[in-house]
N, C-alpha and C. Protein backbone atom coordinates (compact mmCIF):
# COMPACT_ATOMS: atom_id res chain seq x y z
N GLU A 1 99.15 42.23 20.23
CA GLU A 1 98.81 43.63 20.11
C GLU A 1 98.30 43.90 18.70
N PRO A 2 97.18 44.60 18.56
CA PRO A 2 96.66 44.90 17.22
C PRO A 2 97.64 45.75 16.41
N LEU A 3 97.66 45.54 15.10
CA LEU A 3 98.60 46.25 14.25
C LEU A 3 98.42 47.76 14.30
N GLY A 4 97.21 48.25 14.44
CA GLY A 4 96.96 49.68 14.45
C GLY A 4 97.51 50.38 15.67
N GLU A 5 97.94 49.65 16.69
CA GLU A 5 98.41 50.23 17.94
C GLU A 5 99.89 50.61 17.91
N TRP A 6 100.62 50.26 16.84
CA TRP A 6 102.06 50.50 16.81
C TRP A 6 102.43 51.95 16.57
N THR A 7 101.65 52.67 15.77
CA THR A 7 101.95 54.06 15.46
C THR A 7 100.73 54.93 15.72
N VAL A 8 100.99 56.21 15.86
CA VAL A 8 99.90 57.15 16.06
C VAL A 8 99.12 57.34 14.76
N ALA A 9 99.85 57.43 13.63
CA ALA A 9 99.22 57.64 12.33
C ALA A 9 99.24 56.34 11.54
N GLY A 10 98.29 56.20 10.65
CA GLY A 10 98.25 55.03 9.80
C GLY A 10 99.13 55.22 8.59
N GLY A 11 99.46 54.14 7.93
CA GLY A 11 100.26 54.22 6.72
C GLY A 11 101.74 54.32 6.98
N ASN A 12 102.48 54.70 5.95
CA ASN A 12 103.93 54.78 6.02
C ASN A 12 104.37 56.11 6.62
N CYS A 13 105.15 56.08 7.70
CA CYS A 13 105.61 57.29 8.37
C CYS A 13 107.09 57.57 8.08
N ALA A 14 107.67 56.88 7.12
CA ALA A 14 109.08 57.07 6.80
C ALA A 14 109.30 58.48 6.25
N THR A 15 110.41 59.11 6.64
CA THR A 15 110.72 60.46 6.17
C THR A 15 111.69 60.43 5.00
N VAL A 16 112.32 59.27 4.76
CA VAL A 16 113.31 59.14 3.69
C VAL A 16 113.00 57.87 2.90
N THR A 17 113.16 57.95 1.57
CA THR A 17 113.03 56.75 0.75
C THR A 17 114.41 56.35 0.24
N LYS A 18 114.63 55.06 0.08
CA LYS A 18 115.90 54.61 -0.49
C LYS A 18 115.62 53.82 -1.75
N THR A 19 116.38 54.17 -2.80
CA THR A 19 116.19 53.57 -4.10
C THR A 19 117.52 52.98 -4.55
N HIS A 20 117.51 51.69 -4.93
CA HIS A 20 118.74 51.05 -5.39
C HIS A 20 119.21 51.75 -6.67
N ILE A 21 120.49 52.13 -6.69
CA ILE A 21 121.01 52.87 -7.84
C ILE A 21 122.29 52.25 -8.42
N ALA A 22 123.09 51.56 -7.58
CA ALA A 22 124.39 51.09 -8.07
C ALA A 22 124.92 49.93 -7.23
N ARG A 23 126.08 49.42 -7.68
CA ARG A 23 126.85 48.43 -6.92
C ARG A 23 128.30 48.87 -6.90
N VAL A 24 129.01 48.49 -5.84
CA VAL A 24 130.43 48.80 -5.75
C VAL A 24 131.18 47.84 -6.67
N SER A 25 131.99 48.39 -7.58
CA SER A 25 132.74 47.55 -8.50
C SER A 25 134.23 47.51 -8.15
N ASN A 26 134.71 48.46 -7.32
CA ASN A 26 136.11 48.45 -6.91
C ASN A 26 136.28 49.41 -5.74
N TYR A 27 137.30 49.18 -4.91
CA TYR A 27 137.62 50.07 -3.81
C TYR A 27 139.13 50.24 -3.74
N PHE A 28 139.58 51.48 -3.67
CA PHE A 28 141.00 51.80 -3.61
C PHE A 28 141.31 52.28 -2.19
N ALA A 29 141.90 51.39 -1.38
CA ALA A 29 142.10 51.65 0.04
C ALA A 29 143.06 52.80 0.31
N ARG A 30 144.12 52.91 -0.47
CA ARG A 30 145.13 53.93 -0.20
C ARG A 30 144.56 55.35 -0.33
N ILE A 31 143.73 55.57 -1.33
CA ILE A 31 143.18 56.91 -1.54
C ILE A 31 141.73 57.03 -1.06
N LYS A 32 141.17 55.94 -0.51
CA LYS A 32 139.81 55.91 0.03
C LYS A 32 138.77 56.37 -0.98
N VAL A 33 138.81 55.75 -2.17
CA VAL A 33 137.87 56.05 -3.24
C VAL A 33 137.22 54.74 -3.68
N ALA A 34 135.91 54.80 -3.90
CA ALA A 34 135.18 53.63 -4.39
C ALA A 34 134.72 53.89 -5.82
N GLU A 35 134.66 52.82 -6.59
CA GLU A 35 134.17 52.89 -7.96
C GLU A 35 132.81 52.21 -7.98
N PHE A 36 131.80 52.92 -8.49
CA PHE A 36 130.44 52.40 -8.56
C PHE A 36 130.02 52.23 -10.00
N THR A 37 129.24 51.19 -10.28
CA THR A 37 128.60 51.02 -11.58
C THR A 37 127.14 51.43 -11.39
N LEU A 38 126.74 52.52 -12.04
CA LEU A 38 125.36 53.02 -11.91
C LEU A 38 124.44 52.13 -12.73
N GLU A 39 123.63 51.33 -12.05
CA GLU A 39 122.77 50.36 -12.72
C GLU A 39 121.35 50.85 -12.94
N ALA A 40 120.88 51.74 -12.09
CA ALA A 40 119.44 52.05 -12.12
C ALA A 40 119.12 53.54 -12.10
N GLY A 41 120.04 54.39 -12.54
CA GLY A 41 119.71 55.81 -12.58
C GLY A 41 120.95 56.67 -12.56
N ALA A 42 120.72 57.98 -12.66
CA ALA A 42 121.81 58.95 -12.66
C ALA A 42 122.17 59.33 -11.23
N LEU A 43 123.35 59.93 -11.08
CA LEU A 43 123.84 60.36 -9.77
C LEU A 43 124.43 61.76 -9.92
N SER A 44 124.18 62.62 -8.93
CA SER A 44 124.65 64.00 -8.98
C SER A 44 125.43 64.35 -7.71
N ARG A 45 126.26 65.40 -7.83
CA ARG A 45 126.93 65.91 -6.63
C ARG A 45 125.87 66.41 -5.68
N GLY A 46 126.08 66.18 -4.38
CA GLY A 46 125.11 66.60 -3.37
C GLY A 46 124.12 65.53 -2.99
N ASP A 47 124.01 64.46 -3.78
CA ASP A 47 123.11 63.36 -3.44
C ASP A 47 123.61 62.64 -2.20
N GLU A 48 122.70 62.09 -1.44
CA GLU A 48 123.06 61.32 -0.25
C GLU A 48 122.94 59.84 -0.57
N LEU A 49 124.00 59.07 -0.26
CA LEU A 49 124.03 57.65 -0.57
C LEU A 49 124.06 56.81 0.71
N PHE A 50 123.50 55.62 0.60
CA PHE A 50 123.50 54.63 1.67
C PHE A 50 124.06 53.35 1.07
N VAL A 51 125.16 52.85 1.62
CA VAL A 51 125.81 51.64 1.11
C VAL A 51 125.69 50.55 2.16
N THR A 52 125.30 49.36 1.73
CA THR A 52 125.15 48.26 2.66
C THR A 52 125.69 46.96 2.05
N GLY A 53 126.20 46.11 2.91
CA GLY A 53 126.71 44.81 2.49
C GLY A 53 126.88 43.91 3.70
N PRO A 54 127.09 42.60 3.47
CA PRO A 54 127.19 41.66 4.59
C PRO A 54 128.35 41.94 5.53
N THR A 55 129.47 42.41 5.04
CA THR A 55 130.63 42.71 5.88
C THR A 55 130.73 44.20 6.18
N THR A 56 130.34 45.02 5.22
CA THR A 56 130.46 46.47 5.35
C THR A 56 129.54 47.04 6.41
N GLY A 57 128.36 46.48 6.54
CA GLY A 57 127.37 47.05 7.45
C GLY A 57 126.59 48.13 6.71
N ALA A 58 126.46 49.32 7.33
CA ALA A 58 125.73 50.42 6.71
C ALA A 58 126.58 51.68 6.76
N VAL A 59 126.75 52.33 5.62
CA VAL A 59 127.54 53.56 5.52
C VAL A 59 126.69 54.60 4.80
N THR A 60 126.53 55.78 5.39
CA THR A 60 125.79 56.87 4.78
C THR A 60 126.72 58.05 4.57
N PHE A 61 126.67 58.67 3.39
CA PHE A 61 127.51 59.84 3.12
C PHE A 61 126.93 60.64 1.96
N ARG A 62 127.39 61.89 1.85
CA ARG A 62 126.97 62.78 0.77
C ARG A 62 128.05 62.79 -0.31
N VAL A 63 127.63 62.85 -1.57
CA VAL A 63 128.56 62.87 -2.70
C VAL A 63 129.09 64.30 -2.84
N ASP A 64 130.36 64.51 -2.43
CA ASP A 64 130.98 65.82 -2.54
C ASP A 64 131.78 65.96 -3.82
N GLU A 65 132.31 64.85 -4.31
CA GLU A 65 133.10 64.85 -5.54
C GLU A 65 132.70 63.63 -6.35
N LEU A 66 132.55 63.83 -7.66
CA LEU A 66 132.08 62.77 -8.54
C LEU A 66 132.92 62.81 -9.81
N ARG A 67 133.52 61.68 -10.18
CA ARG A 67 134.37 61.62 -11.37
C ARG A 67 133.94 60.49 -12.29
N VAL A 68 133.96 60.80 -13.60
CA VAL A 68 133.72 59.80 -14.64
C VAL A 68 134.95 59.82 -15.53
N ASP A 69 135.62 58.69 -15.67
CA ASP A 69 136.87 58.58 -16.43
C ASP A 69 137.92 59.58 -15.96
N GLY A 70 137.97 59.82 -14.65
CA GLY A 70 138.97 60.72 -14.07
C GLY A 70 138.66 62.19 -14.20
N VAL A 71 137.54 62.55 -14.81
CA VAL A 71 137.17 63.95 -15.02
C VAL A 71 136.05 64.32 -14.05
N PRO A 72 136.21 65.39 -13.25
CA PRO A 72 135.13 65.82 -12.34
C PRO A 72 133.88 66.23 -13.13
N VAL A 73 132.71 65.75 -12.68
CA VAL A 73 131.44 66.07 -13.32
C VAL A 73 130.41 66.42 -12.24
N GLU A 74 129.33 67.09 -12.66
CA GLU A 74 128.23 67.41 -11.75
C GLU A 74 127.23 66.26 -11.68
N THR A 75 127.00 65.61 -12.82
CA THR A 75 126.03 64.52 -12.90
C THR A 75 126.59 63.39 -13.76
N ALA A 76 126.34 62.16 -13.34
CA ALA A 76 126.76 60.98 -14.11
C ALA A 76 125.51 60.24 -14.56
N PRO A 77 125.44 59.83 -15.84
CA PRO A 77 124.25 59.14 -16.35
C PRO A 77 124.22 57.67 -15.92
N GLN A 78 123.06 57.05 -16.13
CA GLN A 78 122.91 55.62 -15.87
C GLN A 78 123.91 54.83 -16.70
N ASN A 79 124.40 53.73 -16.18
CA ASN A 79 125.37 52.81 -16.79
C ASN A 79 126.79 53.37 -16.81
N ALA A 80 127.03 54.53 -16.21
CA ALA A 80 128.39 55.08 -16.12
C ALA A 80 129.12 54.41 -14.97
N ILE A 81 130.44 54.42 -15.04
CA ILE A 81 131.28 53.96 -13.93
C ILE A 81 131.87 55.20 -13.30
N VAL A 82 131.54 55.44 -12.02
CA VAL A 82 131.93 56.68 -11.34
C VAL A 82 132.86 56.38 -10.17
N SER A 83 133.71 57.36 -9.84
CA SER A 83 134.60 57.25 -8.69
C SER A 83 134.21 58.33 -7.69
N ILE A 84 134.09 57.92 -6.42
CA ILE A 84 133.65 58.83 -5.36
C ILE A 84 134.49 58.59 -4.12
N PRO A 85 135.02 59.65 -3.47
CA PRO A 85 135.68 59.47 -2.17
C PRO A 85 134.65 59.02 -1.13
N VAL A 86 135.02 58.03 -0.32
CA VAL A 86 134.08 57.48 0.66
C VAL A 86 134.70 57.50 2.06
N PRO A 87 133.85 57.58 3.11
CA PRO A 87 134.37 57.68 4.48
C PRO A 87 134.80 56.36 5.11
N ALA A 88 134.42 55.23 4.51
CA ALA A 88 134.74 53.93 5.11
C ALA A 88 135.04 52.92 4.01
N LYS A 89 135.65 51.80 4.41
CA LYS A 89 135.98 50.76 3.44
C LYS A 89 134.71 50.10 2.92
N LEU A 90 134.62 49.99 1.60
CA LEU A 90 133.50 49.32 0.96
C LEU A 90 134.02 48.07 0.27
N ARG A 91 133.14 47.11 0.05
CA ARG A 91 133.55 45.86 -0.57
C ARG A 91 132.85 45.65 -1.90
N LEU A 92 133.45 44.79 -2.70
CA LEU A 92 132.92 44.45 -4.02
C LEU A 92 131.48 43.98 -3.90
N ASN A 93 130.62 44.47 -4.77
CA ASN A 93 129.20 44.12 -4.86
C ASN A 93 128.34 44.62 -3.71
N ASP A 94 128.85 45.52 -2.86
CA ASP A 94 127.97 46.17 -1.88
C ASP A 94 126.89 46.92 -2.64
N LYS A 95 125.68 46.98 -2.08
CA LYS A 95 124.57 47.67 -2.74
C LYS A 95 124.59 49.15 -2.36
N VAL A 96 124.32 50.00 -3.35
CA VAL A 96 124.32 51.44 -3.15
C VAL A 96 122.91 51.96 -3.39
N PHE A 97 122.39 52.71 -2.41
CA PHE A 97 121.04 53.25 -2.49
C PHE A 97 121.10 54.77 -2.46
N LEU A 98 120.20 55.42 -3.19
CA LEU A 98 120.05 56.86 -3.18
C LEU A 98 118.99 57.20 -2.15
N LEU A 99 119.33 58.07 -1.18
CA LEU A 99 118.38 58.49 -0.16
C LEU A 99 117.73 59.79 -0.60
N GLN A 100 116.39 59.84 -0.55
CA GLN A 100 115.65 61.04 -0.93
C GLN A 100 114.63 61.35 0.15
N THR A 101 114.49 62.63 0.47
CA THR A 101 113.49 63.05 1.45
C THR A 101 112.11 62.81 0.88
N ARG A 102 111.27 62.20 1.68
CA ARG A 102 109.92 61.86 1.23
C ARG A 102 109.01 63.06 1.48
N ARG A 103 108.24 63.40 0.46
CA ARG A 103 107.27 64.48 0.58
C ARG A 103 105.92 63.84 0.88
N PHE A 104 105.39 64.11 2.04
CA PHE A 104 104.14 63.48 2.45
C PHE A 104 102.99 64.00 1.60
N GLY A 105 102.14 63.07 1.18
CA GLY A 105 101.00 63.44 0.37
C GLY A 105 101.31 63.49 -1.11
N GLN A 106 102.57 63.26 -1.48
CA GLN A 106 102.94 63.27 -2.89
C GLN A 106 103.59 61.94 -3.22
N HIS A 107 103.38 61.50 -4.45
CA HIS A 107 104.02 60.28 -4.92
C HIS A 107 105.47 60.58 -5.26
N THR A 108 106.42 59.77 -4.76
CA THR A 108 107.84 59.95 -5.10
C THR A 108 108.09 59.26 -6.44
N PRO A 109 108.46 60.03 -7.48
CA PRO A 109 108.70 59.40 -8.79
C PRO A 109 109.93 58.50 -8.77
N PRO A 110 109.98 57.50 -9.64
CA PRO A 110 111.16 56.64 -9.69
C PRO A 110 112.38 57.43 -10.14
N VAL A 111 113.58 56.92 -9.82
CA VAL A 111 114.82 57.60 -10.16
C VAL A 111 114.96 57.77 -11.66
N ASN A 112 114.61 56.74 -12.43
CA ASN A 112 114.78 56.77 -13.87
C ASN A 112 113.47 56.32 -14.54
N PRO A 113 112.52 57.25 -14.73
CA PRO A 113 111.26 56.82 -15.34
C PRO A 113 111.47 56.40 -16.79
N SER A 114 110.96 55.23 -17.14
CA SER A 114 111.12 54.72 -18.52
C SER A 114 109.78 54.35 -19.09
């Protein structure tokens, strides 16, 4: 089948982009909180995250609470270690992606322009 026959429109039809932002550095099972090391950008309350790993599978959730050094914050900068309540068990070194709604016809800027 010709490649052009798979979709009605040409090009990328994705409605969401995912950008690698962090890795899981610890998980506390009793209180269901994960600790992330922000490697590639900042993170804010209200952001939607996608976590994936070989055993974990795929977990999507919204950041409702965000803590840096035990103190609640609205935004955490790059290279910070943050704690976030999570809906499922995560494992060490799982990859964390930031999900952003894609605006068609516009270029999506990188998370941390340098």
